[in-house]
Amino acid sequence: MIRIVIADDHPIVRAGLVALMSLEHDVCVVAEAATPDEAVAAAERENPDLVLMDLQFGGASGLGGASGAAGGDSASVSTGAAATRRIRALEAPPYVLVLTNYDSDADILGAVEAGASGYLLKDTPPHELIAAVRAAAAGQSALAPVIASRLLDRLRAPQVNLSSREIEVLRLVASGCSNTEVAHRLFLSETTVKSHLAHIYSKLDVSSRTAAVSAARQRGILR
C-alpha cells in the first residue's frame, strides 16, 4: 500500500485528489496539509511513502523556494520547495512528487534541487498522475513531458541558462528588492550579489536589471 500525504492550500483540489486516490486499491491518503509547515509535520508524523506537494501556497511569495530552511531546521517554511527540502532531510524521508501550475525554470530547478523525485503540472490526466505516484513512490523519476523537455533544453544549451543561485537573485530583483535586500535575504555579501548580477547580464546579453528581468521572463526562466 502506497501511503500518501497531500499538500495543497486549496480544499477543493485536496478533495479531488483524495477522491481520485480512493479509486486505487494500492493507494491510501493518510493525511492532508494546507500549508508547507503542515506538510512537513505530516511527513514526520505519518511516515508516508510519498508527499504530493504543491509549490505555491496562499500568502507565500515564492522567494524562498530554492534556498528554504535546511533539513532539521525548525524555522517556518513558506513554499513547497522549502518544505520538500525539509522533508527530504528527515531521518527516513518519503519521496516528494510536485504537482503544480507553474513550469518556470526557477520553479523546476528549485523543486528538483530540493529533492523532489518528480514534477507534474495540474493539467496532467488522472491516469498519468496515478502512474507518476506509483513511480515516485518506488523511487523512480516522474517528470511531465514538458518538464523533461525543459531540463533537456538546459543541458543542451547551458550557456544561455542561469544557475539556481542566479535565478534566486534575479527573482528577488524582479520583486523589487535592492542589492542590499537581496544580500540580506540570501545571506550573501553585496559584492557577491553584484557578481551574480554581472554574470546574469552577460548570459542574457543585457545591461540593466530591468532588461535582465524582461529577458528572463521571455525565456521562461521567471514566471
C-alpha atoms as a PDB file:
ATOM      1  CA  MET A   1       0.000   0.000   0.000  1.00  0.00           C
ATOM      2  CA  ILE A   2       1.338   3.443  -1.008  1.00  0.00           C
ATOM      3  CA  ARG A   3       0.750   5.860   1.877  1.00  0.00           C
ATOM      4  CA  ILE A   4       0.396   9.471   0.710  1.00  0.00           C
ATOM      5  CA  VAL A   5       0.237  12.948   2.223  1.00  0.00           C
ATOM      6  CA  ILE A   6      -1.481  15.520   0.011  1.00  0.00           C
ATOM      7  CA  ALA A   7      -0.211  19.085   0.467  1.00  0.00           C
ATOM      8  CA  ASP A   8      -2.169  21.865  -1.261  1.00  0.00           C
ATOM      9  CA  ASP A   9      -3.726  25.061   0.069  1.00  0.00           C
ATOM     10  CA  HIS A  10      -6.948  24.672  -1.945  1.00  0.00           C
ATOM     11  CA  PRO A  11      -9.534  22.451  -0.188  1.00  0.00           C
ATOM     12  CA  ILE A  12     -11.277  21.611  -3.477  1.00  0.00           C
ATOM     13  CA  VAL A  13      -8.003  20.451  -5.024  1.00  0.00           C
ATOM     14  CA  ARG A  14      -7.224  18.311  -1.992  1.00  0.00           C
ATOM     15  CA  ALA A  15     -10.725  16.828  -2.038  1.00  0.00           C
ATOM     16  CA  GLY A  16     -10.395  15.987  -5.720  1.00  0.00           C
ATOM     17  CA  LEU A  17      -7.028  14.322  -5.204  1.00  0.00           C
ATOM     18  CA  VAL A  18      -8.314  12.333  -2.235  1.00  0.00           C
ATOM     19  CA  ALA A  19     -11.281  11.158  -4.308  1.00  0.00           C
ATOM     20  CA  LEU A  20      -9.003  10.171  -7.177  1.00  0.00           C
ATOM     21  CA  MET A  21      -6.613   8.251  -4.934  1.00  0.00           C
ATOM     22  CA  SER A  22      -9.503   6.459  -3.217  1.00  0.00           C
ATOM     23  CA  LEU A  23     -10.272   4.722  -6.514  1.00  0.00           C
ATOM     24  CA  GLU A  24      -6.916   2.931  -6.436  1.00  0.00           C
ATOM     25  CA  HIS A  25      -6.588  -0.308  -4.476  1.00  0.00           C
ATOM     26  CA  ASP A  26      -2.912   0.262  -3.687  1.00  0.00           C
ATOM     27  CA  VAL A  27      -3.024   3.941  -2.646  1.00  0.00           C
ATOM     28  CA  CYS A  28      -4.086   5.387   0.716  1.00  0.00           C
ATOM     29  CA  VAL A  29      -4.156   9.072   1.698  1.00  0.00           C
ATOM     30  CA  VAL A  30      -3.009   9.197   5.319  1.00  0.00           C
ATOM     31  CA  ALA A  31      -3.040  12.991   5.809  1.00  0.00           C
ATOM     32  CA  GLU A  32      -3.801  16.315   4.170  1.00  0.00           C
ATOM     33  CA  ALA A  33      -1.843  19.549   4.599  1.00  0.00           C
ATOM     34  CA  ALA A  34      -2.934  23.096   3.782  1.00  0.00           C
ATOM     35  CA  THR A  35       0.455  24.734   4.425  1.00  0.00           C
ATOM     36  CA  PRO A  36       4.107  23.798   3.880  1.00  0.00           C
ATOM     37  CA  ASP A  37       4.639  23.522   7.637  1.00  0.00           C
ATOM     38  CA  GLU A  38       1.693  21.139   7.917  1.00  0.00           C
ATOM     39  CA  ALA A  39       3.214  19.064   5.107  1.00  0.00           C
ATOM     40  CA  VAL A  40       6.496  18.743   6.991  1.00  0.00           C
ATOM     41  CA  ALA A  41       4.683  17.867  10.221  1.00  0.00           C
ATOM     42  CA  ALA A  42       2.539  15.251   8.460  1.00  0.00           C
ATOM     43  CA  ALA A  43       5.585  13.697   6.846  1.00  0.00           C
ATOM     44  CA  GLU A  44       7.236  13.403  10.261  1.00  0.00           C
ATOM     45  CA  ARG A  45       4.103  12.122  11.993  1.00  0.00           C
ATOM     46  CA  GLU A  46       2.663   9.692   9.422  1.00  0.00           C
ATOM     47  CA  ASN A  47       5.856   8.306   7.889  1.00  0.00           C
ATOM     48  CA  PRO A  48       4.274   8.171   4.410  1.00  0.00           C
ATOM     49  CA  ASP A  49       5.815   6.731   1.264  1.00  0.00           C
ATOM     50  CA  LEU A  50       5.115   9.882  -0.750  1.00  0.00           C
ATOM     51  CA  VAL A  51       4.146  13.540  -0.326  1.00  0.00           C
ATOM     52  CA  LEU A  52       2.177  15.046  -3.207  1.00  0.00           C
ATOM     53  CA  MET A  53       3.325  18.658  -2.958  1.00  0.00           C
ATOM     54  CA  ASP A  54       2.065  21.923  -4.401  1.00  0.00           C
ATOM     55  CA  LEU A  55       4.699  24.645  -4.839  1.00  0.00           C
ATOM     56  CA  GLN A  56       2.902  27.873  -4.023  1.00  0.00           C
ATOM     57  CA  PHE A  57       0.647  28.221  -1.001  1.00  0.00           C
ATOM     58  CA  GLY A  58      -1.632  31.096  -0.083  1.00  0.00           C
ATOM     59  CA  GLY A  59       0.363  34.047   1.197  1.00  0.00           C
ATOM     60  CA  ALA A  60       3.687  32.566   0.069  1.00  0.00           C
ATOM     61  CA  SER A  61       5.818  34.885  -2.008  1.00  0.00           C
ATOM     62  CA  GLY A  62       7.832  32.117  -3.603  1.00  0.00           C
ATOM     63  CA  LEU A  63      11.062  33.961  -2.887  1.00  0.00           C
ATOM     64  CA  GLY A  64      12.486  31.344  -0.585  1.00  0.00           C
ATOM     65  CA  GLY A  65      11.821  28.300  -2.737  1.00  0.00           C
ATOM     66  CA  ALA A  66      15.247  27.034  -3.665  1.00  0.00           C
ATOM     67  CA  SER A  67      17.059  28.159  -0.570  1.00  0.00           C
ATOM     68  CA  GLY A  68      14.422  27.495   2.082  1.00  0.00           C
ATOM     69  CA  ALA A  69      15.054  26.114   5.523  1.00  0.00           C
ATOM     70  CA  ALA A  70      17.579  23.334   5.619  1.00  0.00           C
ATOM     71  CA  GLY A  71      16.964  19.862   6.937  1.00  0.00           C
ATOM     72  CA  GLY A  72      16.211  19.620  10.623  1.00  0.00           C
ATOM     73  CA  ASP A  73      15.699  23.377  10.976  1.00  0.00           C
ATOM     74  CA  SER A  74      12.569  24.228  12.955  1.00  0.00           C
ATOM     75  CA  ALA A  75      12.002  27.509  11.117  1.00  0.00           C
ATOM     76  CA  SER A  76       8.703  28.010   9.343  1.00  0.00           C
ATOM     77  CA  VAL A  77       8.708  27.462   5.587  1.00  0.00           C
ATOM     78  CA  SER A  78       6.520  29.242   3.052  1.00  0.00           C
ATOM     79  CA  THR A  79       6.871  27.300  -0.188  1.00  0.00           C
ATOM     80  CA  GLY A  80       6.557  23.756  -1.407  1.00  0.00           C
ATOM     81  CA  ALA A  81      10.201  23.672  -2.449  1.00  0.00           C
ATOM     82  CA  ALA A  82      11.337  24.698   1.041  1.00  0.00           C
ATOM     83  CA  ALA A  83       9.047  22.067   2.568  1.00  0.00           C
ATOM     84  CA  THR A  84      10.429  19.486   0.145  1.00  0.00           C
ATOM     85  CA  ARG A  85      13.961  20.258   1.304  1.00  0.00           C
ATOM     86  CA  ARG A  86      12.898  19.813   4.942  1.00  0.00           C
ATOM     87  CA  ILE A  87      11.038  16.583   4.219  1.00  0.00           C
ATOM     88  CA  ARG A  88      13.899  15.056   2.258  1.00  0.00           C
ATOM     89  CA  ALA A  89      16.221  15.828   5.182  1.00  0.00           C
ATOM     90  CA  LEU A  90      14.175  13.720   7.623  1.00  0.00           C
ATOM     91  CA  GLU A  91      15.756  10.599   9.075  1.00  0.00           C
ATOM     92  CA  ALA A  92      13.518   8.311   6.976  1.00  0.00           C
ATOM     93  CA  PRO A  93      12.380  10.688   4.246  1.00  0.00           C
ATOM     94  CA  PRO A  94       9.409   9.971   1.996  1.00  0.00           C
ATOM     95  CA  TYR A  95       9.660  10.780  -1.690  1.00  0.00           C
ATOM     96  CA  VAL A  96       8.134  14.040  -2.887  1.00  0.00           C
ATOM     97  CA  LEU A  97       6.150  14.445  -6.097  1.00  0.00           C
ATOM     98  CA  VAL A  98       5.437  18.056  -7.055  1.00  0.00           C
ATOM     99  CA  LEU A  99       2.013  18.831  -8.549  1.00  0.00           C
ATOM    100  CA  THR A 100       1.736  22.486  -9.514  1.00  0.00           C
ATOM    101  CA  ASN A 101       0.524  25.028 -12.055  1.00  0.00           C
ATOM    102  CA  TYR A 102       3.991  26.517 -12.525  1.00  0.00           C
ATOM    103  CA  ASP A 103       6.606  25.463 -15.057  1.00  0.00           C
ATOM    104  CA  SER A 104       9.240  28.208 -14.993  1.00  0.00           C
ATOM    105  CA  ASP A 105      12.910  27.240 -14.791  1.00  0.00           C
ATOM    106  CA  ALA A 106      13.056  28.782 -11.306  1.00  0.00           C
ATOM    107  CA  ASP A 107      10.244  26.570 -10.038  1.00  0.00           C
ATOM    108  CA  ILE A 108      11.529  23.410 -11.699  1.00  0.00           C
ATOM    109  CA  LEU A 109      15.121  23.826 -10.558  1.00  0.00           C
ATOM    110  CA  GLY A 110      14.096  24.845  -7.061  1.00  0.00           C
ATOM    111  CA  ALA A 111      11.975  21.709  -6.638  1.00  0.00           C
ATOM    112  CA  VAL A 112      14.448  19.293  -8.200  1.00  0.00           C
ATOM    113  CA  GLU A 113      17.384  20.685  -6.230  1.00  0.00           C
ATOM    114  CA  ALA A 114      15.303  20.485  -3.049  1.00  0.00           C
ATOM    115  CA  GLY A 115      14.976  16.755  -3.655  1.00  0.00           C
ATOM    116  CA  ALA A 116      11.683  16.231  -5.497  1.00  0.00           C
ATOM    117  CA  SER A 117      11.522  12.897  -7.331  1.00  0.00           C
ATOM    118  CA  GLY A 118       9.009  14.138  -9.857  1.00  0.00           C
ATOM    119  CA  TYR A 119       7.342  17.242 -11.218  1.00  0.00           C
ATOM    120  CA  LEU A 120       3.871  17.299 -12.766  1.00  0.00           C
ATOM    121  CA  LEU A 121       1.523  20.061 -13.841  1.00  0.00           C
ATOM    122  CA  LYS A 122      -2.065  20.178 -12.609  1.00  0.00           C
ATOM    123  CA  ASP A 123      -3.444  19.619 -16.102  1.00  0.00           C
ATOM    124  CA  THR A 124      -1.899  16.122 -16.070  1.00  0.00           C
ATOM    125  CA  PRO A 125      -4.531  13.463 -16.941  1.00  0.00           C
ATOM    126  CA  PRO A 126      -5.631  11.402 -13.908  1.00  0.00           C
ATOM    127  CA  HIS A 127      -4.198   8.131 -15.223  1.00  0.00           C
ATOM    128  CA  GLU A 128      -0.803   9.777 -15.743  1.00  0.00           C
ATOM    129  CA  LEU A 129      -0.889  11.235 -12.245  1.00  0.00           C
ATOM    130  CA  ILE A 130      -1.608   7.821 -10.742  1.00  0.00           C
ATOM    131  CA  ALA A 131       1.210   6.279 -12.779  1.00  0.00           C
ATOM    132  CA  ALA A 132       3.555   9.030 -11.574  1.00  0.00           C
ATOM    133  CA  VAL A 133       2.513   8.440  -7.951  1.00  0.00           C
ATOM    134  CA  ARG A 134       3.404   4.765  -8.244  1.00  0.00           C
ATOM    135  CA  ALA A 135       6.689   5.539  -9.988  1.00  0.00           C
ATOM    136  CA  ALA A 136       7.735   8.222  -7.480  1.00  0.00           C
ATOM    137  CA  ALA A 137       6.778   6.026  -4.513  1.00  0.00           C
ATOM    138  CA  ALA A 138       9.055   3.339  -5.968  1.00  0.00           C
ATOM    139  CA  GLY A 139      11.941   5.803  -6.108  1.00  0.00           C
ATOM    140  CA  GLN A 140      11.744   6.440  -9.835  1.00  0.00           C
ATOM    141  CA  SER A 141      11.765   9.789 -11.605  1.00  0.00           C
ATOM    142  CA  ALA A 142       8.365  11.089 -12.682  1.00  0.00           C
ATOM    143  CA  LEU A 143       8.537  14.163 -14.898  1.00  0.00           C
ATOM    144  CA  ALA A 144       5.810  15.648 -17.072  1.00  0.00           C
ATOM    145  CA  PRO A 145       6.928  15.678 -20.738  1.00  0.00           C
ATOM    146  CA  VAL A 146       7.098  19.476 -20.825  1.00  0.00           C
ATOM    147  CA  ILE A 147       9.260  19.485 -17.676  1.00  0.00           C
ATOM    148  CA  ALA A 148      11.593  16.821 -19.033  1.00  0.00           C
ATOM    149  CA  SER A 149      11.897  18.847 -22.228  1.00  0.00           C
ATOM    150  CA  ARG A 150      12.799  21.983 -20.280  1.00  0.00           C
ATOM    151  CA  LEU A 151      15.509  20.160 -18.355  1.00  0.00           C
ATOM    152  CA  LEU A 152      16.905  18.687 -21.576  1.00  0.00           C
ATOM    153  CA  ASP A 153      16.950  22.137 -23.146  1.00  0.00           C
ATOM    154  CA  ARG A 154      19.028  23.381 -20.223  1.00  0.00           C
ATOM    155  CA  LEU A 155      21.518  20.561 -20.725  1.00  0.00           C
ATOM    156  CA  ARG A 156      21.725  21.159 -24.468  1.00  0.00           C
ATOM    157  CA  ALA A 157      22.267  24.886 -24.148  1.00  0.00           C
ATOM    158  CA  PRO A 158      23.791  25.526 -20.708  1.00  0.00           C
ATOM    159  CA  GLN A 159      25.482  28.718 -21.858  1.00  0.00           C
ATOM    160  CA  VAL A 160      22.165  30.586 -22.097  1.00  0.00           C
ATOM    161  CA  ASN A 161      20.775  29.363 -18.792  1.00  0.00           C
ATOM    162  CA  LEU A 162      21.202  30.701 -15.297  1.00  0.00           C
ATOM    163  CA  SER A 163      22.307  28.780 -12.235  1.00  0.00           C
ATOM    164  CA  SER A 164      19.808  28.217  -9.434  1.00  0.00           C
ATOM    165  CA  ARG A 165      21.524  30.908  -7.331  1.00  0.00           C
ATOM    166  CA  GLU A 166      21.431  33.391 -10.205  1.00  0.00           C
ATOM    167  CA  ILE A 167      17.726  32.656 -10.627  1.00  0.00           C
ATOM    168  CA  GLU A 168      17.178  33.304  -6.910  1.00  0.00           C
ATOM    169  CA  VAL A 169      18.952  36.649  -7.207  1.00  0.00           C
ATOM    170  CA  LEU A 170      17.026  37.641 -10.324  1.00  0.00           C
ATOM    171  CA  ARG A 171      13.695  36.569  -8.846  1.00  0.00           C
ATOM    172  CA  LEU A 172      14.285  38.869  -5.869  1.00  0.00           C
ATOM    173  CA  VAL A 173      15.337  41.670  -8.212  1.00  0.00           C
ATOM    174  CA  ALA A 174      12.116  41.132 -10.172  1.00  0.00           C
ATOM    175  CA  SER A 175      10.142  41.507  -6.940  1.00  0.00           C
ATOM    176  CA  GLY A 176      11.690  44.946  -6.416  1.00  0.00           C
ATOM    177  CA  CYS A 177      14.489  44.153  -3.975  1.00  0.00           C
ATOM    178  CA  SER A 178      17.637  46.265  -3.922  1.00  0.00           C
ATOM    179  CA  ASN A 179      21.079  44.650  -3.902  1.00  0.00           C
ATOM    180  CA  THR A 180      21.204  45.170  -0.128  1.00  0.00           C
ATOM    181  CA  GLU A 181      17.856  43.427   0.325  1.00  0.00           C
ATOM    182  CA  VAL A 182      18.873  40.559  -1.965  1.00  0.00           C
ATOM    183  CA  ALA A 183      22.074  40.116   0.021  1.00  0.00           C
ATOM    184  CA  HIS A 184      20.133  40.077   3.309  1.00  0.00           C
ATOM    185  CA  ARG A 185      17.547  37.543   2.128  1.00  0.00           C
ATOM    186  CA  LEU A 186      20.067  35.140   0.619  1.00  0.00           C
ATOM    187  CA  PHE A 187      22.723  35.613   3.323  1.00  0.00           C
ATOM    188  CA  LEU A 188      25.255  36.901   0.798  1.00  0.00           C
ATOM    189  CA  SER A 189      27.519  39.929   0.653  1.00  0.00           C
ATOM    190  CA  GLU A 190      26.543  42.807  -1.640  1.00  0.00           C
ATOM    191  CA  THR A 191      29.716  42.165  -3.587  1.00  0.00           C
ATOM    192  CA  THR A 192      28.592  38.599  -4.270  1.00  0.00           C
ATOM    193  CA  VAL A 193      25.150  39.816  -5.359  1.00  0.00           C
ATOM    194  CA  LYS A 194      26.747  42.281  -7.769  1.00  0.00           C
ATOM    195  CA  SER A 195      28.921  39.470  -9.125  1.00  0.00           C
ATOM    196  CA  HIS A 196      25.857  37.300  -9.712  1.00  0.00           C
ATOM    197  CA  LEU A 197      24.145  40.178 -11.495  1.00  0.00           C
ATOM    198  CA  ALA A 198      27.166  40.716 -13.710  1.00  0.00           C
ATOM    199  CA  HIS A 199      27.078  37.051 -14.731  1.00  0.00           C
ATOM    200  CA  ILE A 200      23.327  37.290 -15.335  1.00  0.00           C
ATOM    201  CA  TYR A 201      23.766  40.339 -17.582  1.00  0.00           C
ATOM    202  CA  SER A 202      26.469  38.560 -19.551  1.00  0.00           C
ATOM    203  CA  LYS A 203      24.466  35.360 -20.037  1.00  0.00           C
ATOM    204  CA  LEU A 204      21.300  37.195 -21.049  1.00  0.00           C
ATOM    205  CA  ASP A 205      23.187  39.779 -23.128  1.00  0.00           C
ATOM    206  CA  VAL A 206      21.639  42.741 -21.308  1.00  0.00           C
ATOM    207  CA  SER A 207      22.990  45.700 -19.367  1.00  0.00           C
ATOM    208  CA  SER A 208      20.384  46.504 -16.722  1.00  0.00           C
ATOM    209  CA  ARG A 209      18.249  44.931 -14.019  1.00  0.00           C
ATOM    210  CA  THR A 210      15.020  45.716 -15.865  1.00  0.00           C
ATOM    211  CA  ALA A 211      16.291  44.216 -19.106  1.00  0.00           C
ATOM    212  CA  ALA A 212      17.525  41.118 -17.274  1.00  0.00           C
ATOM    213  CA  VAL A 213      14.124  40.521 -15.692  1.00  0.00           C
ATOM    214  CA  SER A 214      12.376  41.051 -19.027  1.00  0.00           C
ATOM    215  CA  ALA A 215      14.721  38.686 -20.865  1.00  0.00           C
ATOM    216  CA  ALA A 216      14.364  36.039 -18.155  1.00  0.00           C
ATOM    217  CA  ARG A 217      10.579  36.181 -18.405  1.00  0.00           C
ATOM    218  CA  GLN A 218      10.701  35.905 -22.191  1.00  0.00           C
ATOM    219  CA  ARG A 219      12.875  32.796 -21.892  1.00  0.00           C
ATOM    220  CA  GLY A 220      10.609  31.226 -19.283  1.00  0.00           C
ATOM    221  CA  ILE A 221      13.275  31.422 -16.588  1.00  0.00           C
ATOM    222  CA  LEU A 222      10.987  33.547 -14.422  1.00  0.00           C
ATOM    223  CA  ARG A 223       7.216  33.368 -14.447  1.00  0.00           C
END
